[in-house]
Amino acid sequence: MRYVGFRSPLSAMLDHVDADFTVYEEVGEVSMEACRLIKRALGKDYITLADLPRIPLEGIDEGERQVIMKALRGLKPDEKLKFVRG
């Protein structure tokens, strides 16, 4: 069993279970407009490392761009960064 990019007490407790889990880590907030720009450019509500060249960073606020880049730095090639409305 593999957990999405980070270790937590929850992952240790679930380690003995033979099943698939999705564990979310909140990285930061971006505006709905930034999410719309990315969704429009990619045609989906998540980002993978392969999508990085297609993300319209020039249309996104500098602070939000930093949040997105911070999240992508910890991403592995087979993982997804998903936008979730909070």
PDB file of N, CA and C in Angstrom:
ATOM      1  N   MET A   1       0.848  -1.168   0.000  1.00  0.00           N
ATOM      2  CA  MET A   1       0.000   0.000   0.000  1.00  0.00           C
ATOM      3  C   MET A   1       0.895   1.232   0.000  1.00  0.00           C
ATOM      4  N   ARG A   2       0.513   2.246  -0.773  1.00  0.00           N
ATOM      5  CA  ARG A   2       1.295   3.457  -0.901  1.00  0.00           C
ATOM      6  C   ARG A   2       0.383   4.644  -0.607  1.00  0.00           C
ATOM      7  N   TYR A   3       0.912   5.620   0.082  1.00  0.00           N
ATOM      8  CA  TYR A   3       0.144   6.813   0.407  1.00  0.00           C
ATOM      9  C   TYR A   3       0.662   7.994  -0.379  1.00  0.00           C
ATOM     10  N   VAL A   4      -0.198   8.918  -0.703  1.00  0.00           N
ATOM     11  CA  VAL A   4       0.070   9.995  -1.643  1.00  0.00           C
ATOM     12  C   VAL A   4       1.083  10.987  -1.075  1.00  0.00           C
ATOM     13  N   GLY A   5       2.364  10.734  -1.312  1.00  0.00           N
ATOM     14  CA  GLY A   5       3.397  11.722  -1.119  1.00  0.00           C
ATOM     15  C   GLY A   5       3.763  12.154   0.284  1.00  0.00           C
ATOM     16  N   PHE A   6       3.198  11.597   1.339  1.00  0.00           N
ATOM     17  CA  PHE A   6       3.595  12.023   2.667  1.00  0.00           C
ATOM     18  C   PHE A   6       3.297  10.930   3.690  1.00  0.00           C
ATOM     19  N   ARG A   7       3.988  11.003   4.786  1.00  0.00           N
ATOM     20  CA  ARG A   7       3.767  10.064   5.896  1.00  0.00           C
ATOM     21  C   ARG A   7       2.914  10.768   6.947  1.00  0.00           C
ATOM     22  N   SER A   8       2.017  10.043   7.557  1.00  0.00           N
ATOM     23  CA  SER A   8       1.178  10.622   8.597  1.00  0.00           C
ATOM     24  C   SER A   8       0.816   9.528   9.600  1.00  0.00           C
ATOM     25  N   PRO A   9       0.351   9.920  10.791  1.00  0.00           N
ATOM     26  CA  PRO A   9      -0.117   8.903  11.745  1.00  0.00           C
ATOM     27  C   PRO A   9      -1.240   8.054  11.160  1.00  0.00           C
ATOM     28  N   LEU A  10      -2.072   8.654  10.327  1.00  0.00           N
ATOM     29  CA  LEU A  10      -3.163   7.907   9.694  1.00  0.00           C
ATOM     30  C   LEU A  10      -2.621   6.800   8.800  1.00  0.00           C
ATOM     31  N   SER A  11      -1.576   7.097   8.036  1.00  0.00           N
ATOM     32  CA  SER A  11      -1.037   6.060   7.153  1.00  0.00           C
ATOM     33  C   SER A  11      -0.466   4.903   7.970  1.00  0.00           C
ATOM     34  N   ALA A  12       0.121   5.185   9.112  1.00  0.00           N
ATOM     35  CA  ALA A  12       0.645   4.117   9.963  1.00  0.00           C
ATOM     36  C   ALA A  12      -0.491   3.244  10.502  1.00  0.00           C
ATOM     37  N   MET A  13      -1.617   3.870  10.878  1.00  0.00           N
ATOM     38  CA  MET A  13      -2.757   3.109  11.405  1.00  0.00           C
ATOM     39  C   MET A  13      -3.401   2.254  10.320  1.00  0.00           C
ATOM     40  N   LEU A  14      -3.407   2.733   9.086  1.00  0.00           N
ATOM     41  CA  LEU A  14      -4.056   2.009   8.001  1.00  0.00           C
ATOM     42  C   LEU A  14      -3.130   0.997   7.331  1.00  0.00           C
ATOM     43  N   ASP A  15      -1.893   0.960   7.732  1.00  0.00           N
ATOM     44  CA  ASP A  15      -0.879   0.143   7.076  1.00  0.00           C
ATOM     45  C   ASP A  15      -1.244  -1.344   7.039  1.00  0.00           C
ATOM     46  N   HIS A  16      -1.981  -1.843   8.010  1.00  0.00           N
ATOM     47  CA  HIS A  16      -2.307  -3.271   8.070  1.00  0.00           C
ATOM     48  C   HIS A  16      -3.521  -3.645   7.219  1.00  0.00           C
ATOM     49  N   VAL A  17      -4.237  -2.676   6.686  1.00  0.00           N
ATOM     50  CA  VAL A  17      -5.456  -2.925   5.925  1.00  0.00           C
ATOM     51  C   VAL A  17      -5.103  -3.230   4.473  1.00  0.00           C
ATOM     52  N   ASP A  18      -5.701  -4.268   3.923  1.00  0.00           N
ATOM     53  CA  ASP A  18      -5.444  -4.641   2.531  1.00  0.00           C
ATOM     54  C   ASP A  18      -6.532  -4.044   1.642  1.00  0.00           C
ATOM     55  N   ALA A  19      -6.335  -2.777   1.266  1.00  0.00           N
ATOM     56  CA  ALA A  19      -7.313  -2.082   0.432  1.00  0.00           C
ATOM     57  C   ALA A  19      -6.660  -0.822  -0.125  1.00  0.00           C
ATOM     58  N   ASP A  20      -7.375  -0.133  -0.985  1.00  0.00           N
ATOM     59  CA  ASP A  20      -6.891   1.127  -1.534  1.00  0.00           C
ATOM     60  C   ASP A  20      -7.525   2.283  -0.780  1.00  0.00           C
ATOM     61  N   PHE A  21      -6.711   3.285  -0.474  1.00  0.00           N
ATOM     62  CA  PHE A  21      -7.194   4.483   0.199  1.00  0.00           C
ATOM     63  C   PHE A  21      -6.668   5.699  -0.543  1.00  0.00           C
ATOM     64  N   THR A  22      -7.401   6.764  -0.471  1.00  0.00           N
ATOM     65  CA  THR A  22      -6.906   8.035  -0.951  1.00  0.00           C
ATOM     66  C   THR A  22      -6.764   8.933   0.255  1.00  0.00           C
ATOM     67  N   VAL A  23      -5.575   9.444   0.464  1.00  0.00           N
ATOM     68  CA  VAL A  23      -5.310  10.333   1.584  1.00  0.00           C
ATOM     69  C   VAL A  23      -4.999  11.703   0.999  1.00  0.00           C
ATOM     70  N   TYR A  24      -5.728  12.717   1.438  1.00  0.00           N
ATOM     71  CA  TYR A  24      -5.529  14.062   0.929  1.00  0.00           C
ATOM     72  C   TYR A  24      -4.693  14.866   1.913  1.00  0.00           C
ATOM     73  N   GLU A  25      -3.811  15.671   1.380  1.00  0.00           N
ATOM     74  CA  GLU A  25      -3.041  16.609   2.177  1.00  0.00           C
ATOM     75  C   GLU A  25      -3.369  17.999   1.649  1.00  0.00           C
ATOM     76  N   GLU A  26      -3.833  18.874   2.520  1.00  0.00           N
ATOM     77  CA  GLU A  26      -4.133  20.233   2.086  1.00  0.00           C
ATOM     78  C   GLU A  26      -2.825  20.998   1.970  1.00  0.00           C
ATOM     79  N   VAL A  27      -2.582  21.534   0.799  1.00  0.00           N
ATOM     80  CA  VAL A  27      -1.325  22.231   0.523  1.00  0.00           C
ATOM     81  C   VAL A  27      -1.505  23.736   0.604  1.00  0.00           C
ATOM     82  N   GLY A  28      -2.625  24.226   0.181  1.00  0.00           N
ATOM     83  CA  GLY A  28      -2.890  25.656   0.179  1.00  0.00           C
ATOM     84  C   GLY A  28      -4.159  25.951  -0.584  1.00  0.00           C
ATOM     85  N   GLU A  29      -4.424  27.233  -0.764  1.00  0.00           N
ATOM     86  CA  GLU A  29      -5.638  27.635  -1.456  1.00  0.00           C
ATOM     87  C   GLU A  29      -5.305  28.409  -2.719  1.00  0.00           C
ATOM     88  N   VAL A  30      -6.098  28.170  -3.735  1.00  0.00           N
ATOM     89  CA  VAL A  30      -6.040  28.966  -4.955  1.00  0.00           C
ATOM     90  C   VAL A  30      -7.463  29.396  -5.280  1.00  0.00           C
ATOM     91  N   SER A  31      -7.577  30.464  -6.019  1.00  0.00           N
ATOM     92  CA  SER A  31      -8.897  31.016  -6.331  1.00  0.00           C
ATOM     93  C   SER A  31      -9.653  30.123  -7.319  1.00  0.00           C
ATOM     94  N   MET A  32     -10.952  30.324  -7.365  1.00  0.00           N
ATOM     95  CA  MET A  32     -11.773  29.593  -8.335  1.00  0.00           C
ATOM     96  C   MET A  32     -11.353  29.960  -9.755  1.00  0.00           C
ATOM     97  N   GLU A  33     -10.955  31.208  -9.968  1.00  0.00           N
ATOM     98  CA  GLU A  33     -10.529  31.632 -11.295  1.00  0.00           C
ATOM     99  C   GLU A  33      -9.272  30.878 -11.737  1.00  0.00           C
ATOM    100  N   ALA A  34      -8.310  30.692 -10.825  1.00  0.00           N
ATOM    101  CA  ALA A  34      -7.099  29.930 -11.158  1.00  0.00           C
ATOM    102  C   ALA A  34      -7.459  28.482 -11.483  1.00  0.00           C
ATOM    103  N   CYS A  35      -8.368  27.909 -10.723  1.00  0.00           N
ATOM    104  CA  CYS A  35      -8.820  26.538 -10.995  1.00  0.00           C
ATOM    105  C   CYS A  35      -9.492  26.450 -12.361  1.00  0.00           C
ATOM    106  N   ARG A  36     -10.317  27.430 -12.677  1.00  0.00           N
ATOM    107  CA  ARG A  36     -11.001  27.438 -13.980  1.00  0.00           C
ATOM    108  C   ARG A  36     -10.002  27.525 -15.132  1.00  0.00           C
ATOM    109  N   LEU A  37      -8.977  28.389 -14.977  1.00  0.00           N
ATOM    110  CA  LEU A  37      -7.950  28.514 -16.015  1.00  0.00           C
ATOM    111  C   LEU A  37      -7.251  27.182 -16.265  1.00  0.00           C
ATOM    112  N   ILE A  38      -6.895  26.518 -15.169  1.00  0.00           N
ATOM    113  CA  ILE A  38      -6.177  25.242 -15.283  1.00  0.00           C
ATOM    114  C   ILE A  38      -7.090  24.168 -15.861  1.00  0.00           C
ATOM    115  N   LYS A  39      -8.322  24.093 -15.362  1.00  0.00           N
ATOM    116  CA  LYS A  39      -9.272  23.106 -15.882  1.00  0.00           C
ATOM    117  C   LYS A  39      -9.533  23.315 -17.372  1.00  0.00           C
ATOM    118  N   ARG A  40      -9.654  24.575 -17.776  1.00  0.00           N
ATOM    119  CA  ARG A  40      -9.896  24.882 -19.183  1.00  0.00           C
ATOM    120  C   ARG A  40      -8.698  24.466 -20.034  1.00  0.00           C
ATOM    121  N   ALA A  41      -7.493  24.713 -19.550  1.00  0.00           N
ATOM    122  CA  ALA A  41      -6.285  24.387 -20.311  1.00  0.00           C
ATOM    123  C   ALA A  41      -6.044  22.882 -20.397  1.00  0.00           C
ATOM    124  N   LEU A  42      -6.341  22.159 -19.307  1.00  0.00           N
ATOM    125  CA  LEU A  42      -6.043  20.731 -19.254  1.00  0.00           C
ATOM    126  C   LEU A  42      -7.239  19.847 -19.566  1.00  0.00           C
ATOM    127  N   GLY A  43      -8.447  20.368 -19.394  1.00  0.00           N
ATOM    128  CA  GLY A  43      -9.644  19.576 -19.622  1.00  0.00           C
ATOM    129  C   GLY A  43      -9.933  18.586 -18.511  1.00  0.00           C
ATOM    130  N   LYS A  44      -9.380  18.838 -17.326  1.00  0.00           N
ATOM    131  CA  LYS A  44      -9.601  17.953 -16.170  1.00  0.00           C
ATOM    132  C   LYS A  44      -9.388  18.745 -14.882  1.00  0.00           C
ATOM    133  N   ASP A  45      -9.805  18.185 -13.737  1.00  0.00           N
ATOM    134  CA  ASP A  45      -9.700  18.911 -12.469  1.00  0.00           C
ATOM    135  C   ASP A  45      -8.531  18.445 -11.606  1.00  0.00           C
ATOM    136  N   TYR A  46      -7.513  17.908 -12.235  1.00  0.00           N
ATOM    137  CA  TYR A  46      -6.308  17.531 -11.513  1.00  0.00           C
ATOM    138  C   TYR A  46      -5.091  17.773 -12.403  1.00  0.00           C
ATOM    139  N   ILE A  47      -3.914  17.787 -11.766  1.00  0.00           N
ATOM    140  CA  ILE A  47      -2.656  18.017 -12.474  1.00  0.00           C
ATOM    141  C   ILE A  47      -1.714  16.858 -12.189  1.00  0.00           C
ATOM    142  N   THR A  48      -0.996  16.419 -13.195  1.00  0.00           N
ATOM    143  CA  THR A  48       0.105  15.481 -13.012  1.00  0.00           C
ATOM    144  C   THR A  48       1.385  16.201 -13.427  1.00  0.00           C
ATOM    145  N   LEU A  49       2.524  15.627 -13.139  1.00  0.00           N
ATOM    146  CA  LEU A  49       3.784  16.252 -13.537  1.00  0.00           C
ATOM    147  C   LEU A  49       3.881  16.399 -15.051  1.00  0.00           C
ATOM    148  N   ALA A  50       3.291  15.477 -15.783  1.00  0.00           N
ATOM    149  CA  ALA A  50       3.313  15.557 -17.245  1.00  0.00           C
ATOM    150  C   ALA A  50       2.545  16.769 -17.764  1.00  0.00           C
ATOM    151  N   ASP A  51       1.610  17.295 -16.969  1.00  0.00           N
ATOM    152  CA  ASP A  51       0.807  18.449 -17.367  1.00  0.00           C
ATOM    153  C   ASP A  51       1.515  19.780 -17.158  1.00  0.00           C
ATOM    154  N   LEU A  52       2.612  19.795 -16.457  1.00  0.00           N
ATOM    155  CA  LEU A  52       3.279  21.038 -16.067  1.00  0.00           C
ATOM    156  C   LEU A  52       3.507  22.007 -17.230  1.00  0.00           C
ATOM    157  N   PRO A  53       3.988  21.560 -18.394  1.00  0.00           N
ATOM    158  CA  PRO A  53       4.202  22.519 -19.489  1.00  0.00           C
ATOM    159  C   PRO A  53       2.910  23.156 -20.030  1.00  0.00           C
ATOM    160  N   ARG A  54       1.770  22.532 -19.784  1.00  0.00           N
ATOM    161  CA  ARG A  54       0.492  23.034 -20.318  1.00  0.00           C
ATOM    162  C   ARG A  54      -0.283  23.907 -19.337  1.00  0.00           C
ATOM    163  N   ILE A  55       0.230  24.078 -18.107  1.00  0.00           N
ATOM    164  CA  ILE A  55      -0.464  24.893 -17.107  1.00  0.00           C
ATOM    165  C   ILE A  55      -0.237  26.371 -17.441  1.00  0.00           C
ATOM    166  N   PRO A  56      -1.303  27.159 -17.565  1.00  0.00           N
ATOM    167  CA  PRO A  56      -1.177  28.575 -17.938  1.00  0.00           C
ATOM    168  C   PRO A  56      -0.738  29.447 -16.752  1.00  0.00           C
ATOM    169  N   LEU A  57       0.507  29.304 -16.319  1.00  0.00           N
ATOM    170  CA  LEU A  57       0.995  29.995 -15.135  1.00  0.00           C
ATOM    171  C   LEU A  57       0.983  31.515 -15.278  1.00  0.00           C
ATOM    172  N   GLU A  58       1.133  32.023 -16.510  1.00  0.00           N
ATOM    173  CA  GLU A  58       1.176  33.475 -16.701  1.00  0.00           C
ATOM    174  C   GLU A  58      -0.156  34.143 -16.367  1.00  0.00           C
ATOM    175  N   GLY A  59      -1.253  33.409 -16.373  1.00  0.00           N
ATOM    176  CA  GLY A  59      -2.556  33.976 -16.056  1.00  0.00           C
ATOM    177  C   GLY A  59      -2.960  33.809 -14.605  1.00  0.00           C
ATOM    178  N   ILE A  60      -2.047  33.295 -13.785  1.00  0.00           N
ATOM    179  CA  ILE A  60      -2.354  32.991 -12.382  1.00  0.00           C
ATOM    180  C   ILE A  60      -1.550  33.917 -11.481  1.00  0.00           C
ATOM    181  N   ASP A  61      -2.180  34.418 -10.427  1.00  0.00           N
ATOM    182  CA  ASP A  61      -1.554  35.287  -9.443  1.00  0.00           C
ATOM    183  C   ASP A  61      -0.269  34.658  -8.892  1.00  0.00           C
ATOM    184  N   GLU A  62       0.728  35.470  -8.598  1.00  0.00           N
ATOM    185  CA  GLU A  62       2.034  34.985  -8.136  1.00  0.00           C
ATOM    186  C   GLU A  62       1.931  34.118  -6.876  1.00  0.00           C
ATOM    187  N   GLY A  63       1.126  34.531  -5.896  1.00  0.00           N
ATOM    188  CA  GLY A  63       0.971  33.746  -4.669  1.00  0.00           C
ATOM    189  C   GLY A  63       0.358  32.379  -4.935  1.00  0.00           C
ATOM    190  N   GLU A  64      -0.649  32.359  -5.791  1.00  0.00           N
ATOM    191  CA  GLU A  64      -1.299  31.097  -6.152  1.00  0.00           C
ATOM    192  C   GLU A  64      -0.355  30.221  -6.975  1.00  0.00           C
ATOM    193  N   ARG A  65       0.428  30.842  -7.821  1.00  0.00           N
ATOM    194  CA  ARG A  65       1.425  30.104  -8.610  1.00  0.00           C
ATOM    195  C   ARG A  65       2.418  29.408  -7.683  1.00  0.00           C
ATOM    196  N   GLN A  66       2.827  30.102  -6.618  1.00  0.00           N
ATOM    197  CA  GLN A  66       3.760  29.499  -5.663  1.00  0.00           C
ATOM    198  C   GLN A  66       3.141  28.314  -4.933  1.00  0.00           C
ATOM    199  N   VAL A  67       1.854  28.411  -4.590  1.00  0.00           N
ATOM    200  CA  VAL A  67       1.158  27.291  -3.939  1.00  0.00           C
ATOM    201  C   VAL A  67       1.127  26.082  -4.872  1.00  0.00           C
ATOM    202  N   ILE A  68       0.797  26.321  -6.133  1.00  0.00           N
ATOM    203  CA  ILE A  68       0.729  25.231  -7.107  1.00  0.00           C
ATOM    204  C   ILE A  68       2.101  24.598  -7.302  1.00  0.00           C
ATOM    205  N   MET A  69       3.137  25.418  -7.432  1.00  0.00           N
ATOM    206  CA  MET A  69       4.487  24.893  -7.641  1.00  0.00           C
ATOM    207  C   MET A  69       4.976  24.132  -6.401  1.00  0.00           C
ATOM    208  N   LYS A  70       4.622  24.608  -5.210  1.00  0.00           N
ATOM    209  CA  LYS A  70       4.982  23.908  -3.969  1.00  0.00           C
ATOM    210  C   LYS A  70       4.349  22.511  -3.951  1.00  0.00           C
ATOM    211  N   ALA A  71       3.099  22.443  -4.341  1.00  0.00           N
ATOM    212  CA  ALA A  71       2.396  21.158  -4.366  1.00  0.00           C
ATOM    213  C   ALA A  71       2.997  20.227  -5.414  1.00  0.00           C
ATOM    214  N   LEU A  72       3.355  20.766  -6.561  1.00  0.00           N
ATOM    215  CA  LEU A  72       3.925  19.941  -7.626  1.00  0.00           C
ATOM    216  C   LEU A  72       5.320  19.426  -7.284  1.00  0.00           C
ATOM    217  N   ARG A  73       6.066  20.174  -6.477  1.00  0.00           N
ATOM    218  CA  ARG A  73       7.418  19.726  -6.091  1.00  0.00           C
ATOM    219  C   ARG A  73       7.392  18.387  -5.357  1.00  0.00           C
ATOM    220  N   GLY A  74       6.364  18.151  -4.559  1.00  0.00           N
ATOM    221  CA  GLY A  74       6.268  16.912  -3.802  1.00  0.00           C
ATOM    222  C   GLY A  74       5.589  15.772  -4.536  1.00  0.00           C
ATOM    223  N   LEU A  75       5.153  16.024  -5.754  1.00  0.00           N
ATOM    224  CA  LEU A  75       4.394  15.037  -6.513  1.00  0.00           C
ATOM    225  C   LEU A  75       5.309  14.022  -7.195  1.00  0.00           C
ATOM    226  N   LYS A  76       4.895  12.770  -7.160  1.00  0.00           N
ATOM    227  CA  LYS A  76       5.608  11.710  -7.876  1.00  0.00           C
ATOM    228  C   LYS A  76       4.963  11.546  -9.256  1.00  0.00           C
ATOM    229  N   PRO A  77       5.667  10.945 -10.206  1.00  0.00           N
ATOM    230  CA  PRO A  77       5.140  10.835 -11.573  1.00  0.00           C
ATOM    231  C   PRO A  77       3.772  10.159 -11.699  1.00  0.00           C
ATOM    232  N   ASP A  78       3.438   9.250 -10.797  1.00  0.00           N
ATOM    233  CA  ASP A  78       2.152   8.546 -10.896  1.00  0.00           C
ATOM    234  C   ASP A  78       1.077   9.127  -9.973  1.00  0.00           C
ATOM    235  N   GLU A  79       1.326  10.297  -9.400  1.00  0.00           N
ATOM    236  CA  GLU A  79       0.373  10.909  -8.489  1.00  0.00           C
ATOM    237  C   GLU A  79      -0.322  12.107  -9.145  1.00  0.00           C
ATOM    238  N   LYS A  80      -1.443  12.526  -8.547  1.00  0.00           N
ATOM    239  CA  LYS A  80      -2.244  13.622  -9.069  1.00  0.00           C
ATOM    240  C   LYS A  80      -2.405  14.701  -8.002  1.00  0.00           C
ATOM    241  N   LEU A  81      -2.399  15.934  -8.455  1.00  0.00           N
ATOM    242  CA  LEU A  81      -2.742  17.079  -7.617  1.00  0.00           C
ATOM    243  C   LEU A  81      -4.163  17.451  -8.015  1.00  0.00           C
ATOM    244  N   LYS A  82      -5.096  17.274  -7.091  1.00  0.00           N
ATOM    245  CA  LYS A  82      -6.518  17.472  -7.400  1.00  0.00           C
ATOM    246  C   LYS A  82      -7.023  18.747  -6.743  1.00  0.00           C
ATOM    247  N   PHE A  83      -7.848  19.479  -7.476  1.00  0.00           N
ATOM    248  CA  PHE A  83      -8.489  20.666  -6.939  1.00  0.00           C
ATOM    249  C   PHE A  83      -9.790  20.246  -6.279  1.00  0.00           C
ATOM    250  N   VAL A  84      -9.925  20.563  -4.989  1.00  0.00           N
ATOM    251  CA  VAL A  84     -11.116  20.205  -4.235  1.00  0.00           C
ATOM    252  C   VAL A  84     -11.695  21.486  -3.657  1.00  0.00           C
ATOM    253  N   ARG A  85     -12.974  21.653  -3.848  1.00  0.00           N
ATOM    254  CA  ARG A  85     -13.633  22.836  -3.303  1.00  0.00           C
ATOM    255  C   ARG A  85     -13.856  22.657  -1.810  1.00  0.00           C
ATOM    256  N   GLY A  86     -13.415  23.616  -1.025  1.00  0.00           N
ATOM    257  CA  GLY A  86     -13.482  23.478   0.434  1.00  0.00           C
ATOM    258  C   GLY A  86     -14.550  24.229   1.099  1.00  0.00           C
TER     259      GLY A  86
END
